[in-house]
Protein backbone atom coordinates (compact mmCIF):
# COMPACT_ATOMS: atom_id res chain seq x y z
CA MET A 1 218.14 104.22 110.14
CA ASN A 2 217.34 103.07 113.70
CA ILE A 3 217.00 105.48 116.72
CA SER A 4 218.87 104.18 119.62
CA LYS A 5 216.63 103.60 122.93
CA PRO A 6 218.54 106.40 124.85
CA ILE A 7 218.13 109.13 122.23
CA ILE A 8 214.12 107.90 122.39
CA GLN A 9 214.26 108.07 126.05
CA ILE A 10 215.79 111.53 126.12
CA LEU A 11 212.81 112.64 123.74
CA ILE A 12 210.35 111.04 126.13
CA ASP A 13 211.93 112.65 129.13
CA THR A 14 211.96 116.16 127.46
CA ALA A 15 208.28 115.77 126.41
CA MET A 16 207.25 114.49 129.75
CA PHE A 17 208.94 117.54 131.48
CA MET A 18 207.22 119.93 129.01
CA GLU A 19 203.75 118.30 129.46
CA PHE A 20 203.74 117.63 133.38
CA ASN A 21 205.29 120.45 134.90
CA ASP A 22 203.36 123.30 136.58
CA ASP A 23 203.77 126.88 135.43
CA GLU A 24 205.78 127.69 138.27
CA THR A 25 208.54 125.39 137.38
CA LEU A 26 208.16 125.92 133.53
CA ASN A 27 206.90 128.96 131.63
CA PRO A 28 203.95 127.50 129.68
CA ASP A 29 204.69 129.68 126.57
CA ALA A 30 208.15 128.52 126.66
CA ALA A 31 206.74 124.57 126.96
CA VAL A 32 204.51 125.08 124.04
CA ALA A 33 207.33 126.72 121.88
CA PHE A 34 209.85 123.94 122.66
CA MET A 35 207.13 121.25 121.80
CA GLU A 36 206.45 123.15 118.57
CA SER A 37 209.95 123.00 117.52
CA MET A 38 210.35 119.54 118.37
CA SER A 39 207.21 118.69 116.29
CA ALA A 40 208.81 120.63 113.44
CA ASN A 41 212.29 118.68 113.55
CA LEU A 42 210.43 115.29 114.08
CA LYS A 43 208.37 116.35 110.71
CA GLU A 44 211.68 116.28 108.86
CA LEU A 45 212.35 112.52 109.63
CA PRO A 46 211.58 110.25 106.76
CA GLU A 47 207.89 108.78 107.31
CA VAL A 48 209.32 105.12 107.99
CA GLU A 49 211.60 106.57 110.69
CA ARG A 50 208.76 108.71 112.20
CA VAL A 51 206.49 105.64 112.23
CA ASN A 52 209.15 103.62 114.02
CA LEU A 53 210.13 106.29 116.62
CA LEU A 54 206.38 106.63 117.53
CA ALA A 55 205.90 103.09 117.61
CA SER A 56 208.96 102.84 120.14
CA ILE A 57 208.10 105.79 122.37
CA LYS A 58 204.53 104.09 122.79
CA GLU A 59 206.23 100.73 123.60
CA MET A 60 208.72 102.29 126.11
CA GLY A 61 205.85 104.35 127.57
CA GLU A 62 204.02 101.16 128.68
CA ARG A 63 206.43 100.96 131.71
CA TYR A 64 205.14 104.29 133.02
CA PRO A 65 203.42 103.57 136.24
CA ILE A 66 200.80 106.59 135.87
CA ASP A 67 198.02 106.24 133.18
CA GLU A 68 197.90 109.63 132.36
CA GLN A 69 201.55 109.45 131.30
CA LYS A 70 201.11 106.12 129.15
CA GLN A 71 198.15 107.75 127.40
CA PHE A 72 200.23 111.02 126.85
CA LEU A 73 202.99 108.77 125.47
CA ALA A 74 200.68 106.67 123.34
CA GLU A 75 199.14 109.90 121.87
CA ILE A 76 202.36 111.96 121.42
CA GLY A 77 202.22 111.53 117.59
CA HIS A 78 198.96 113.03 117.51
CA ARG A 79 199.73 115.82 119.93
CA LEU A 80 202.82 116.89 118.02
CA GLY A 81 200.97 116.91 114.85
CA LEU A 82 202.67 113.98 113.21
CA THR A 83 199.77 111.42 113.09
CA LYS A 84 196.07 111.69 113.12
CA LEU A 85 194.06 109.87 116.07
C-alpha cells in the first residue's frame, strides 16, 4: 500500500508544528504526548510501509529551506523510535 503525498505532507506538517513551536504556542507536554501517540500508531504499519513512509518524508523534507527542518525530517524515524540512527 502506498501512502499518498498529501497524507505524508499532513504527517510532516504535524510533526514540524509539534517540534518547532514555542512553549507559549503549544504546551510541551501535549506535544510530547502527541508525538508518542503518532509513534505508536506508525509502529503498527507493516515494516515495508514504514520504511517507504520514512523515505518519502526524508525526500519531501529536502525541499525545506532551513537546515534544522531538513535534519529533523531526515531523522524523524529515529526521533519517533521507528529506526536506529
